[in-house]
């Protein structure tokens, strides 16, 4: 069950012209950060992506189409972005495996030293 998805950090309307339909005030800037999930843990990574969509023509504006003005606005918003810190959260199944391993290790050590005998 390894999966990764992006969650939205920030959305902002920018006042630049759309390179496709030339509409003014219809561009939406979205910053997203990556979340990886496995069977044993959830982790927020440092990886972020930026996408721009036009709400008028409903097209995604790729970085190759950005004008200098759009790039400056994206850089401005990127500087003010509050990323979530890189983190890992262990799931309950992982904690159960760790606890079981520790109990098993303690029993083996006690049996090897002769404190416990069968």
PDB file of N, CA and C in Angstrom:
ATOM      1  N   UNK A   1       0.822  -1.180   0.000  1.00  0.00           N
ATOM      2  CA  UNK A   1       0.000   0.000   0.000  1.00  0.00           C
ATOM      3  C   UNK A   1       0.871   1.250   0.000  1.00  0.00           C
ATOM      4  N   UNK A   2       1.789   1.334  -0.887  1.00  0.00           N
ATOM      5  CA  UNK A   2       2.598   2.536  -1.005  1.00  0.00           C
ATOM      6  C   UNK A   2       1.872   3.522  -1.910  1.00  0.00           C
ATOM      7  N   UNK A   3       1.581   4.683  -1.373  1.00  0.00           N
ATOM      8  CA  UNK A   3       0.921   5.702  -2.183  1.00  0.00           C
ATOM      9  C   UNK A   3       1.491   7.062  -1.822  1.00  0.00           C
ATOM     10  N   UNK A   4       1.400   7.943  -2.767  1.00  0.00           N
ATOM     11  CA  UNK A   4       1.803   9.315  -2.502  1.00  0.00           C
ATOM     12  C   UNK A   4       0.782  10.232  -3.151  1.00  0.00           C
ATOM     13  N   UNK A   5       0.526  11.321  -2.455  1.00  0.00           N
ATOM     14  CA  UNK A   5      -0.414  12.302  -2.969  1.00  0.00           C
ATOM     15  C   UNK A   5       0.055  13.676  -2.529  1.00  0.00           C
ATOM     16  N   UNK A   6      -0.530  14.680  -3.106  1.00  0.00           N
ATOM     17  CA  UNK A   6      -0.186  16.052  -2.775  1.00  0.00           C
ATOM     18  C   UNK A   6      -1.365  16.702  -2.075  1.00  0.00           C
ATOM     19  N   UNK A   7      -1.083  17.490  -1.038  1.00  0.00           N
ATOM     20  CA  UNK A   7      -2.127  18.259  -0.378  1.00  0.00           C
ATOM     21  C   UNK A   7      -1.848  19.740  -0.590  1.00  0.00           C
ATOM     22  N   UNK A   8      -2.906  20.525  -0.630  1.00  0.00           N
ATOM     23  CA  UNK A   8      -2.806  21.942  -0.955  1.00  0.00           C
ATOM     24  C   UNK A   8      -2.278  22.740   0.230  1.00  0.00           C
ATOM     25  N   UNK A   9      -1.215  23.509  -0.050  1.00  0.00           N
ATOM     26  CA  UNK A   9      -0.651  24.397   0.970  1.00  0.00           C
ATOM     27  C   UNK A   9      -1.234  25.805   0.864  1.00  0.00           C
ATOM     28  N   UNK A  10      -1.357  26.267  -0.386  1.00  0.00           N
ATOM     29  CA  UNK A  10      -1.783  27.651  -0.585  1.00  0.00           C
ATOM     30  C   UNK A  10      -2.443  27.788  -1.944  1.00  0.00           C
ATOM     31  N   UNK A  11      -3.524  28.550  -1.993  1.00  0.00           N
ATOM     32  CA  UNK A  11      -4.176  28.911  -3.243  1.00  0.00           C
ATOM     33  C   UNK A  11      -4.251  30.425  -3.297  1.00  0.00           C
ATOM     34  N   UNK A  12      -3.981  30.988  -4.471  1.00  0.00           N
ATOM     35  CA  UNK A  12      -4.028  32.442  -4.605  1.00  0.00           C
ATOM     36  C   UNK A  12      -4.470  32.811  -6.016  1.00  0.00           C
ATOM     37  N   UNK A  13      -5.298  33.828  -6.124  1.00  0.00           N
ATOM     38  CA  UNK A  13      -5.677  34.372  -7.427  1.00  0.00           C
ATOM     39  C   UNK A  13      -4.629  35.408  -7.794  1.00  0.00           C
ATOM     40  N   UNK A  14      -4.130  35.328  -9.006  1.00  0.00           N
ATOM     41  CA  UNK A  14      -3.133  36.319  -9.444  1.00  0.00           C
ATOM     42  C   UNK A  14      -3.722  37.138 -10.588  1.00  0.00           C
ATOM     43  N   UNK A  15      -3.293  38.363 -10.684  1.00  0.00           N
ATOM     44  CA  UNK A  15      -3.879  39.311 -11.627  1.00  0.00           C
ATOM     45  C   UNK A  15      -3.187  39.380 -12.965  1.00  0.00           C
ATOM     46  N   UNK A  16      -2.511  38.334 -13.375  1.00  0.00           N
ATOM     47  CA  UNK A  16      -1.832  38.325 -14.665  1.00  0.00           C
ATOM     48  C   UNK A  16      -2.779  37.855 -15.767  1.00  0.00           C
ATOM     49  N   UNK A  17      -2.391  38.148 -17.010  1.00  0.00           N
ATOM     50  CA  UNK A  17      -3.169  37.684 -18.154  1.00  0.00           C
ATOM     51  C   UNK A  17      -2.869  36.227 -18.432  1.00  0.00           C
ATOM     52  N   UNK A  18      -3.901  35.477 -18.798  1.00  0.00           N
ATOM     53  CA  UNK A  18      -3.740  34.074 -19.158  1.00  0.00           C
ATOM     54  C   UNK A  18      -3.043  33.985 -20.523  1.00  0.00           C
ATOM     55  N   UNK A  19      -1.990  33.167 -20.654  1.00  0.00           N
ATOM     56  CA  UNK A  19      -1.314  33.029 -21.953  1.00  0.00           C
ATOM     57  C   UNK A  19      -2.179  32.337 -23.013  1.00  0.00           C
ATOM     58  N   UNK A  20      -3.232  31.670 -22.613  1.00  0.00           N
ATOM     59  CA  UNK A  20      -4.100  30.954 -23.559  1.00  0.00           C
ATOM     60  C   UNK A  20      -5.253  31.827 -24.045  1.00  0.00           C
ATOM     61  N   UNK A  21      -6.049  32.363 -23.104  1.00  0.00           N
ATOM     62  CA  UNK A  21      -7.254  33.105 -23.492  1.00  0.00           C
ATOM     63  C   UNK A  21      -7.121  34.613 -23.254  1.00  0.00           C
ATOM     64  N   UNK A  22      -5.997  35.062 -22.695  1.00  0.00           N
ATOM     65  CA  UNK A  22      -5.697  36.469 -22.422  1.00  0.00           C
ATOM     66  C   UNK A  22      -6.687  37.125 -21.463  1.00  0.00           C
ATOM     67  N   UNK A  23      -7.363  36.326 -20.673  1.00  0.00           N
ATOM     68  CA  UNK A  23      -8.280  36.845 -19.678  1.00  0.00           C
ATOM     69  C   UNK A  23      -7.486  37.412 -18.514  1.00  0.00           C
ATOM     70  N   UNK A  24      -7.977  38.483 -17.919  1.00  0.00           N
ATOM     71  CA  UNK A  24      -7.311  39.116 -16.794  1.00  0.00           C
ATOM     72  C   UNK A  24      -7.993  38.670 -15.498  1.00  0.00           C
ATOM     73  N   UNK A  25      -7.236  38.485 -14.431  1.00  0.00           N
ATOM     74  CA  UNK A  25      -7.748  38.098 -13.109  1.00  0.00           C
ATOM     75  C   UNK A  25      -8.433  36.735 -13.088  1.00  0.00           C
ATOM     76  N   UNK A  26      -8.009  35.807 -13.918  1.00  0.00           N
ATOM     77  CA  UNK A  26      -8.632  34.477 -13.885  1.00  0.00           C
ATOM     78  C   UNK A  26      -7.625  33.371 -13.592  1.00  0.00           C
ATOM     79  N   UNK A  27      -6.385  33.733 -13.294  1.00  0.00           N
ATOM     80  CA  UNK A  27      -5.383  32.709 -13.005  1.00  0.00           C
ATOM     81  C   UNK A  27      -5.383  32.370 -11.522  1.00  0.00           C
ATOM     82  N   UNK A  28      -5.304  31.084 -11.241  1.00  0.00           N
ATOM     83  CA  UNK A  28      -5.255  30.612  -9.860  1.00  0.00           C
ATOM     84  C   UNK A  28      -3.951  29.849  -9.666  1.00  0.00           C
ATOM     85  N   UNK A  29      -3.181  30.265  -8.668  1.00  0.00           N
ATOM     86  CA  UNK A  29      -1.893  29.666  -8.341  1.00  0.00           C
ATOM     87  C   UNK A  29      -2.092  28.720  -7.163  1.00  0.00           C
ATOM     88  N   UNK A  30      -1.623  27.472  -7.319  1.00  0.00           N
ATOM     89  CA  UNK A  30      -1.813  26.459  -6.272  1.00  0.00           C
ATOM     90  C   UNK A  30      -0.461  25.831  -5.942  1.00  0.00           C
ATOM     91  N   UNK A  31      -0.096  25.860  -4.653  1.00  0.00           N
ATOM     92  CA  UNK A  31       1.102  25.183  -4.164  1.00  0.00           C
ATOM     93  C   UNK A  31       0.667  23.929  -3.417  1.00  0.00           C
ATOM     94  N   UNK A  32       1.348  22.808  -3.702  1.00  0.00           N
ATOM     95  CA  UNK A  32       1.028  21.541  -3.046  1.00  0.00           C
ATOM     96  C   UNK A  32       2.303  20.905  -2.517  1.00  0.00           C
ATOM     97  N   UNK A  33       2.174  20.135  -1.424  1.00  0.00           N
ATOM     98  CA  UNK A  33       3.302  19.426  -0.818  1.00  0.00           C
ATOM     99  C   UNK A  33       2.992  17.937  -0.812  1.00  0.00           C
ATOM    100  N   UNK A  34       4.039  17.119  -0.938  1.00  0.00           N
ATOM    101  CA  UNK A  34       3.869  15.674  -1.100  1.00  0.00           C
ATOM    102  C   UNK A  34       3.720  14.959   0.246  1.00  0.00           C
ATOM    103  N   UNK A  35       2.769  14.023   0.287  1.00  0.00           N
ATOM    104  CA  UNK A  35       2.525  13.172   1.444  1.00  0.00           C
ATOM    105  C   UNK A  35       2.649  11.725   0.973  1.00  0.00           C
ATOM    106  N   UNK A  36       3.595  10.976   1.573  1.00  0.00           N
ATOM    107  CA  UNK A  36       3.797   9.567   1.232  1.00  0.00           C
ATOM    108  C   UNK A  36       3.199   8.710   2.332  1.00  0.00           C
ATOM    109  N   UNK A  37       2.450   7.678   1.931  1.00  0.00           N
ATOM    110  CA  UNK A  37       1.825   6.799   2.908  1.00  0.00           C
ATOM    111  C   UNK A  37       2.150   5.353   2.566  1.00  0.00           C
ATOM    112  N   UNK A  38       2.623   4.617   3.582  1.00  0.00           N
ATOM    113  CA  UNK A  38       2.894   3.194   3.430  1.00  0.00           C
ATOM    114  C   UNK A  38       2.055   2.446   4.458  1.00  0.00           C
ATOM    115  N   UNK A  39       2.227   1.152   4.501  1.00  0.00           N
ATOM    116  CA  UNK A  39       1.497   0.335   5.462  1.00  0.00           C
ATOM    117  C   UNK A  39       1.888   0.684   6.893  1.00  0.00           C
ATOM    118  N   UNK A  40       3.138   1.099   7.079  1.00  0.00           N
ATOM    119  CA  UNK A  40       3.653   1.319   8.426  1.00  0.00           C
ATOM    120  C   UNK A  40       3.749   2.783   8.843  1.00  0.00           C
ATOM    121  N   UNK A  41       3.725   3.718   7.891  1.00  0.00           N
ATOM    122  CA  UNK A  41       3.936   5.118   8.268  1.00  0.00           C
ATOM    123  C   UNK A  41       3.311   6.087   7.276  1.00  0.00           C
ATOM    124  N   UNK A  42       3.229   7.336   7.734  1.00  0.00           N
ATOM    125  CA  UNK A  42       2.857   8.468   6.890  1.00  0.00           C
ATOM    126  C   UNK A  42       4.003   9.466   6.991  1.00  0.00           C
ATOM    127  N   UNK A  43       4.392  10.060   5.864  1.00  0.00           N
ATOM    128  CA  UNK A  43       5.509  11.003   5.895  1.00  0.00           C
ATOM    129  C   UNK A  43       5.218  12.204   5.011  1.00  0.00           C
ATOM    130  N   UNK A  44       5.499  13.372   5.541  1.00  0.00           N
ATOM    131  CA  UNK A  44       5.432  14.596   4.755  1.00  0.00           C
ATOM    132  C   UNK A  44       6.846  14.856   4.245  1.00  0.00           C
ATOM    133  N   UNK A  45       6.985  15.055   2.944  1.00  0.00           N
ATOM    134  CA  UNK A  45       8.296  15.270   2.357  1.00  0.00           C
ATOM    135  C   UNK A  45       8.520  16.766   2.113  1.00  0.00           C
ATOM    136  N   UNK A  46       9.726  17.104   1.701  1.00  0.00           N
ATOM    137  CA  UNK A  46      10.064  18.497   1.381  1.00  0.00           C
ATOM    138  C   UNK A  46       9.571  18.898  -0.012  1.00  0.00           C
ATOM    139  N   UNK A  47       9.187  17.925  -0.824  1.00  0.00           N
ATOM    140  CA  UNK A  47       8.846  18.184  -2.222  1.00  0.00           C
ATOM    141  C   UNK A  47       7.559  18.994  -2.349  1.00  0.00           C
ATOM    142  N   UNK A  48       7.635  20.090  -3.088  1.00  0.00           N
ATOM    143  CA  UNK A  48       6.459  20.906  -3.364  1.00  0.00           C
ATOM    144  C   UNK A  48       6.332  21.089  -4.871  1.00  0.00           C
ATOM    145  N   UNK A  49       5.106  21.273  -5.324  1.00  0.00           N
ATOM    146  CA  UNK A  49       4.848  21.563  -6.722  1.00  0.00           C
ATOM    147  C   UNK A  49       3.971  22.804  -6.804  1.00  0.00           C
ATOM    148  N   UNK A  50       4.059  23.452  -7.929  1.00  0.00           N
ATOM    149  CA  UNK A  50       3.290  24.663  -8.168  1.00  0.00           C
ATOM    150  C   UNK A  50       2.539  24.471  -9.486  1.00  0.00           C
ATOM    151  N   UNK A  51       1.274  24.798  -9.488  1.00  0.00           N
ATOM    152  CA  UNK A  51       0.516  24.726 -10.736  1.00  0.00           C
ATOM    153  C   UNK A  51      -0.347  25.967 -10.867  1.00  0.00           C
ATOM    154  N   UNK A  52      -0.553  26.351 -12.103  1.00  0.00           N
ATOM    155  CA  UNK A  52      -1.394  27.504 -12.395  1.00  0.00           C
ATOM    156  C   UNK A  52      -2.511  27.045 -13.317  1.00  0.00           C
ATOM    157  N   UNK A  53      -3.730  27.419 -12.966  1.00  0.00           N
ATOM    158  CA  UNK A  53      -4.900  27.089 -13.775  1.00  0.00           C
ATOM    159  C   UNK A  53      -5.634  28.375 -14.119  1.00  0.00           C
ATOM    160  N   UNK A  54      -6.196  28.400 -15.315  1.00  0.00           N
ATOM    161  CA  UNK A  54      -7.042  29.518 -15.711  1.00  0.00           C
ATOM    162  C   UNK A  54      -8.487  29.119 -15.432  1.00  0.00           C
ATOM    163  N   UNK A  55      -9.175  29.931 -14.676  1.00  0.00           N
ATOM    164  CA  UNK A  55     -10.566  29.629 -14.328  1.00  0.00           C
ATOM    165  C   UNK A  55     -11.521  29.995 -15.453  1.00  0.00           C
ATOM    166  N   UNK A  56     -11.056  30.796 -16.407  1.00  0.00           N
ATOM    167  CA  UNK A  56     -11.902  31.207 -17.526  1.00  0.00           C
ATOM    168  C   UNK A  56     -11.932  30.134 -18.621  1.00  0.00           C
ATOM    169  N   UNK A  57     -10.746  29.732 -19.103  1.00  0.00           N
ATOM    170  CA  UNK A  57     -10.679  28.727 -20.170  1.00  0.00           C
ATOM    171  C   UNK A  57     -10.458  27.322 -19.624  1.00  0.00           C
ATOM    172  N   UNK A  58     -10.280  27.196 -18.300  1.00  0.00           N
ATOM    173  CA  UNK A  58     -10.107  25.921 -17.603  1.00  0.00           C
ATOM    174  C   UNK A  58      -8.934  25.104 -18.144  1.00  0.00           C
ATOM    175  N   UNK A  59      -7.842  25.782 -18.446  1.00  0.00           N
ATOM    176  CA  UNK A  59      -6.609  25.132 -18.907  1.00  0.00           C
ATOM    177  C   UNK A  59      -5.551  25.241 -17.828  1.00  0.00           C
ATOM    178  N   UNK A  60      -4.693  24.229 -17.772  1.00  0.00           N
ATOM    179  CA  UNK A  60      -3.535  24.312 -16.891  1.00  0.00           C
ATOM    180  C   UNK A  60      -2.434  25.032 -17.652  1.00  0.00           C
ATOM    181  N   UNK A  61      -1.799  25.998 -16.995  1.00  0.00           N
ATOM    182  CA  UNK A  61      -0.730  26.771 -17.614  1.00  0.00           C
ATOM    183  C   UNK A  61       0.591  26.167 -17.142  1.00  0.00           C
ATOM    184  N   UNK A  62       1.320  25.543 -18.044  1.00  0.00           N
ATOM    185  CA  UNK A  62       2.576  24.889 -17.715  1.00  0.00           C
ATOM    186  C   UNK A  62       3.709  25.904 -17.662  1.00  0.00           C
ATOM    187  N   UNK A  63       4.791  25.601 -16.920  1.00  0.00           N
ATOM    188  CA  UNK A  63       5.889  26.573 -16.748  1.00  0.00           C
ATOM    189  C   UNK A  63       6.499  27.061 -18.064  1.00  0.00           C
ATOM    190  N   UNK A  64       6.448  26.269 -19.099  1.00  0.00           N
ATOM    191  CA  UNK A  64       7.015  26.712 -20.383  1.00  0.00           C
ATOM    192  C   UNK A  64       6.215  27.891 -20.958  1.00  0.00           C
ATOM    193  N   UNK A  65       4.955  28.028 -20.544  1.00  0.00           N
ATOM    194  CA  UNK A  65       4.082  29.087 -21.049  1.00  0.00           C
ATOM    195  C   UNK A  65       4.100  30.340 -20.176  1.00  0.00           C
ATOM    196  N   UNK A  66       4.759  30.287 -19.030  1.00  0.00           N
ATOM    197  CA  UNK A  66       4.747  31.416 -18.120  1.00  0.00           C
ATOM    198  C   UNK A  66       5.495  32.602 -18.710  1.00  0.00           C
ATOM    199  N   UNK A  67       4.958  33.774 -18.510  1.00  0.00           N
ATOM    200  CA  UNK A  67       5.656  34.998 -18.905  1.00  0.00           C
ATOM    201  C   UNK A  67       6.556  35.432 -17.751  1.00  0.00           C
ATOM    202  N   UNK A  68       7.375  36.440 -17.988  1.00  0.00           N
ATOM    203  CA  UNK A  68       8.251  36.951 -16.915  1.00  0.00           C
ATOM    204  C   UNK A  68       7.434  37.484 -15.742  1.00  0.00           C
ATOM    205  N   UNK A  69       6.296  38.118 -16.048  1.00  0.00           N
ATOM    206  CA  UNK A  69       5.439  38.639 -14.978  1.00  0.00           C
ATOM    207  C   UNK A  69       4.886  37.509 -14.116  1.00  0.00           C
ATOM    208  N   UNK A  70       4.449  36.432 -14.754  1.00  0.00           N
ATOM    209  CA  UNK A  70       3.917  35.290 -14.004  1.00  0.00           C
ATOM    210  C   UNK A  70       5.018  34.681 -13.143  1.00  0.00           C
ATOM    211  N   UNK A  71       6.221  34.551 -13.678  1.00  0.00           N
ATOM    212  CA  UNK A  71       7.345  33.990 -12.915  1.00  0.00           C
ATOM    213  C   UNK A  71       7.663  34.833 -11.689  1.00  0.00           C
ATOM    214  N   UNK A  72       7.610  36.152 -11.832  1.00  0.00           N
ATOM    215  CA  UNK A  72       7.876  37.033 -10.686  1.00  0.00           C
ATOM    216  C   UNK A  72       6.810  36.869  -9.605  1.00  0.00           C
ATOM    217  N   UNK A  73       5.552  36.756 -10.007  1.00  0.00           N
ATOM    218  CA  UNK A  73       4.471  36.588  -9.036  1.00  0.00           C
ATOM    219  C   UNK A  73       4.595  35.235  -8.340  1.00  0.00           C
ATOM    220  N   UNK A  74       4.943  34.185  -9.086  1.00  0.00           N
ATOM    221  CA  UNK A  74       5.130  32.858  -8.493  1.00  0.00           C
ATOM    222  C   UNK A  74       6.286  32.892  -7.494  1.00  0.00           C
ATOM    223  N   UNK A  75       7.401  33.532  -7.861  1.00  0.00           N
ATOM    224  CA  UNK A  75       8.535  33.651  -6.932  1.00  0.00           C
ATOM    225  C   UNK A  75       8.140  34.409  -5.664  1.00  0.00           C
ATOM    226  N   UNK A  76       7.341  35.459  -5.812  1.00  0.00           N
ATOM    227  CA  UNK A  76       6.876  36.230  -4.659  1.00  0.00           C
ATOM    228  C   UNK A  76       6.055  35.350  -3.717  1.00  0.00           C
ATOM    229  N   UNK A  77       5.103  34.598  -4.268  1.00  0.00           N
ATOM    230  CA  UNK A  77       4.266  33.731  -3.441  1.00  0.00           C
ATOM    231  C   UNK A  77       5.067  32.574  -2.854  1.00  0.00           C
ATOM    232  N   UNK A  78       6.081  32.114  -3.582  1.00  0.00           N
ATOM    233  CA  UNK A  78       6.912  31.007  -3.083  1.00  0.00           C
ATOM    234  C   UNK A  78       7.714  31.437  -1.864  1.00  0.00           C
ATOM    235  N   UNK A  79       8.164  32.698  -1.837  1.00  0.00           N
ATOM    236  CA  UNK A  79       8.923  33.194  -0.680  1.00  0.00           C
ATOM    237  C   UNK A  79       8.057  33.260   0.570  1.00  0.00           C
ATOM    238  N   UNK A  80       6.768  33.527   0.411  1.00  0.00           N
ATOM    239  CA  UNK A  80       5.875  33.629   1.555  1.00  0.00           C
ATOM    240  C   UNK A  80       5.180  32.323   1.908  1.00  0.00           C
ATOM    241  N   UNK A  81       5.614  31.240   1.291  1.00  0.00           N
ATOM    242  CA  UNK A  81       4.972  29.940   1.494  1.00  0.00           C
ATOM    243  C   UNK A  81       5.389  29.329   2.825  1.00  0.00           C
ATOM    244  N   UNK A  82       4.430  28.854   3.591  1.00  0.00           N
ATOM    245  CA  UNK A  82       4.701  28.175   4.859  1.00  0.00           C
ATOM    246  C   UNK A  82       4.570  26.678   4.649  1.00  0.00           C
ATOM    247  N   UNK A  83       5.710  26.034   4.356  1.00  0.00           N
ATOM    248  CA  UNK A  83       5.695  24.585   4.150  1.00  0.00           C
ATOM    249  C   UNK A  83       5.559  23.884   5.489  1.00  0.00           C
ATOM    250  N   UNK A  84       4.912  22.734   5.469  1.00  0.00           N
ATOM    251  CA  UNK A  84       4.870  21.902   6.661  1.00  0.00           C
ATOM    252  C   UNK A  84       6.247  21.259   6.819  1.00  0.00           C
ATOM    253  N   UNK A  85       6.757  21.134   8.035  1.00  0.00           N
ATOM    254  CA  UNK A  85       8.079  20.540   8.218  1.00  0.00           C
ATOM    255  C   UNK A  85       8.076  19.053   7.846  1.00  0.00           C
ATOM    256  N   UNK A  86       9.232  18.597   7.395  1.00  0.00           N
ATOM    257  CA  UNK A  86       9.399  17.194   7.055  1.00  0.00           C
ATOM    258  C   UNK A  86       9.169  16.363   8.312  1.00  0.00           C
ATOM    259  N   UNK A  87       8.293  15.342   8.206  1.00  0.00           N
ATOM    260  CA  UNK A  87       7.971  14.556   9.399  1.00  0.00           C
ATOM    261  C   UNK A  87       7.562  13.143   9.021  1.00  0.00           C
ATOM    262  N   UNK A  88       7.584  12.274  10.026  1.00  0.00           N
ATOM    263  CA  UNK A  88       7.156  10.877   9.871  1.00  0.00           C
ATOM    264  C   UNK A  88       6.249  10.536  11.035  1.00  0.00           C
ATOM    265  N   UNK A  89       5.143   9.865  10.747  1.00  0.00           N
ATOM    266  CA  UNK A  89       4.232   9.411  11.796  1.00  0.00           C
ATOM    267  C   UNK A  89       4.056   7.909  11.623  1.00  0.00           C
ATOM    268  N   UNK A  90       4.379   7.170  12.679  1.00  0.00           N
ATOM    269  CA  UNK A  90       4.232   5.716  12.630  1.00  0.00           C
ATOM    270  C   UNK A  90       2.793   5.343  12.938  1.00  0.00           C
ATOM    271  N   UNK A  91       2.297   4.341  12.209  1.00  0.00           N
ATOM    272  CA  UNK A  91       0.929   3.881  12.399  1.00  0.00           C
ATOM    273  C   UNK A  91       0.870   2.888  13.568  1.00  0.00           C
ATOM    274  N   UNK A  92      -0.323   2.631  14.117  1.00  0.00           N
ATOM    275  CA  UNK A  92      -0.448   1.714  15.258  1.00  0.00           C
ATOM    276  C   UNK A  92       0.115   0.319  14.998  1.00  0.00           C
ATOM    277  N   UNK A  93      -0.003  -0.163  13.776  1.00  0.00           N
ATOM    278  CA  UNK A  93       0.536  -1.487  13.452  1.00  0.00           C
ATOM    279  C   UNK A  93       2.053  -1.521  13.657  1.00  0.00           C
ATOM    280  N   UNK A  94       2.726  -0.446  13.321  1.00  0.00           N
ATOM    281  CA  UNK A  94       4.168  -0.360  13.501  1.00  0.00           C
ATOM    282  C   UNK A  94       4.525  -0.368  14.980  1.00  0.00           C
ATOM    283  N   UNK A  95       3.786   0.407  15.782  1.00  0.00           N
ATOM    284  CA  UNK A  95       4.042   0.438  17.222  1.00  0.00           C
ATOM    285  C   UNK A  95       3.827  -0.943  17.836  1.00  0.00           C
ATOM    286  N   UNK A  96       2.822  -1.680  17.354  1.00  0.00           N
ATOM    287  CA  UNK A  96       2.569  -3.031  17.863  1.00  0.00           C
ATOM    288  C   UNK A  96       3.731  -3.965  17.521  1.00  0.00           C
ATOM    289  N   UNK A  97       4.260  -3.856  16.300  1.00  0.00           N
ATOM    290  CA  UNK A  97       5.407  -4.677  15.912  1.00  0.00           C
ATOM    291  C   UNK A  97       6.647  -4.346  16.735  1.00  0.00           C
ATOM    292  N   UNK A  98       6.863  -3.080  17.008  1.00  0.00           N
ATOM    293  CA  UNK A  98       8.011  -2.669  17.824  1.00  0.00           C
ATOM    294  C   UNK A  98       7.870  -3.214  19.245  1.00  0.00           C
ATOM    295  N   UNK A  99       6.675  -3.077  19.821  1.00  0.00           N
ATOM    296  CA  UNK A  99       6.450  -3.580  21.187  1.00  0.00           C
ATOM    297  C   UNK A  99       6.622  -5.095  21.243  1.00  0.00           C
ATOM    298  N   UNK A 100       6.086  -5.824  20.267  1.00  0.00           N
ATOM    299  CA  UNK A 100       6.235  -7.276  20.228  1.00  0.00           C
ATOM    300  C   UNK A 100       7.701  -7.675  20.101  1.00  0.00           C
ATOM    301  N   UNK A 101       8.450  -6.959  19.268  1.00  0.00           N
ATOM    302  CA  UNK A 101       9.881  -7.259  19.094  1.00  0.00           C
ATOM    303  C   UNK A 101      10.657  -7.028  20.385  1.00  0.00           C
ATOM    304  N   UNK A 102      10.342  -5.957  21.097  1.00  0.00           N
ATOM    305  CA  UNK A 102      11.023  -5.674  22.361  1.00  0.00           C
ATOM    306  C   UNK A 102      10.717  -6.734  23.418  1.00  0.00           C
ATOM    307  N   UNK A 103       9.470  -7.134  23.517  1.00  0.00           N
ATOM    308  CA  UNK A 103       9.104  -8.180  24.487  1.00  0.00           C
ATOM    309  C   UNK A 103       9.813  -9.482  24.135  1.00  0.00           C
ATOM    310  N   UNK A 104       9.824  -9.826  22.860  1.00  0.00           N
ATOM    311  CA  UNK A 104      10.504 -11.042  22.411  1.00  0.00           C
ATOM    312  C   UNK A 104      12.001 -10.977  22.709  1.00  0.00           C
ATOM    313  N   UNK A 105      12.631  -9.824  22.482  1.00  0.00           N
ATOM    314  CA  UNK A 105      14.054  -9.644  22.757  1.00  0.00           C
ATOM    315  C   UNK A 105      14.344  -9.793  24.257  1.00  0.00           C
ATOM    316  N   UNK A 106      13.500  -9.206  25.087  1.00  0.00           N
ATOM    317  CA  UNK A 106      13.688  -9.306  26.545  1.00  0.00           C
ATOM    318  C   UNK A 106      13.559 -10.758  27.010  1.00  0.00           C
ATOM    319  N   UNK A 107      12.585 -11.471  26.482  1.00  0.00           N
ATOM    320  CA  UNK A 107      12.400 -12.879  26.855  1.00  0.00           C
ATOM    321  C   UNK A 107      13.607 -13.708  26.430  1.00  0.00           C
ATOM    322  N   UNK A 108      14.129 -13.492  25.239  1.00  0.00           N
ATOM    323  CA  UNK A 108      15.301 -14.229  24.757  1.00  0.00           C
ATOM    324  C   UNK A 108      16.514 -13.930  25.630  1.00  0.00           C
ATOM    325  N   UNK A 109      16.712 -12.662  25.987  1.00  0.00           N
ATOM    326  CA  UNK A 109      17.857 -12.294  26.834  1.00  0.00           C
ATOM    327  C   UNK A 109      17.724 -12.929  28.222  1.00  0.00           C
ATOM    328  N   UNK A 110      16.527 -12.882  28.811  1.00  0.00           N
ATOM    329  CA  UNK A 110      16.315 -13.479  30.126  1.00  0.00           C
ATOM    330  C   UNK A 110      16.494 -14.999  30.074  1.00  0.00           C
ATOM    331  N   UNK A 111      16.067 -15.622  28.993  1.00  0.00           N
ATOM    332  CA  UNK A 111      16.232 -17.066  28.843  1.00  0.00           C
ATOM    333  C   UNK A 111      17.713 -17.416  28.664  1.00  0.00           C
ATOM    334  N   UNK A 112      18.446 -16.602  27.887  1.00  0.00           N
ATOM    335  CA  UNK A 112      19.872 -16.861  27.632  1.00  0.00           C
ATOM    336  C   UNK A 112      20.710 -16.671  28.895  1.00  0.00           C
ATOM    337  N   UNK A 113      20.350 -15.752  29.750  1.00  0.00           N
ATOM    338  CA  UNK A 113      21.109 -15.506  30.968  1.00  0.00           C
ATOM    339  C   UNK A 113      20.713 -16.452  32.099  1.00  0.00           C
ATOM    340  N   UNK A 114      19.654 -17.200  31.930  1.00  0.00           N
ATOM    341  CA  UNK A 114      19.259 -18.173  32.929  1.00  0.00           C
ATOM    342  C   UNK A 114      18.295 -17.662  33.961  1.00  0.00           C
ATOM    343  N   UNK A 115      17.814 -16.438  33.808  1.00  0.00           N
ATOM    344  CA  UNK A 115      16.832 -15.892  34.746  1.00  0.00           C
ATOM    345  C   UNK A 115      15.497 -16.634  34.603  1.00  0.00           C
ATOM    346  N   UNK A 116      15.175 -16.977  33.368  1.00  0.00           N
ATOM    347  CA  UNK A 116      13.969 -17.760  33.095  1.00  0.00           C
ATOM    348  C   UNK A 116      14.412 -19.114  32.583  1.00  0.00           C
ATOM    349  N   UNK A 117      13.799 -20.146  33.113  1.00  0.00           N
ATOM    350  CA  UNK A 117      14.111 -21.484  32.605  1.00  0.00           C
ATOM    351  C   UNK A 117      12.800 -22.223  32.349  1.00  0.00           C
ATOM    352  N   UNK A 118      12.867 -23.137  31.403  1.00  0.00           N
ATOM    353  CA  UNK A 118      11.656 -23.892  31.051  1.00  0.00           C
ATOM    354  C   UNK A 118      11.629 -25.210  31.756  1.00  0.00           C
TER     355      UNK A 118
END
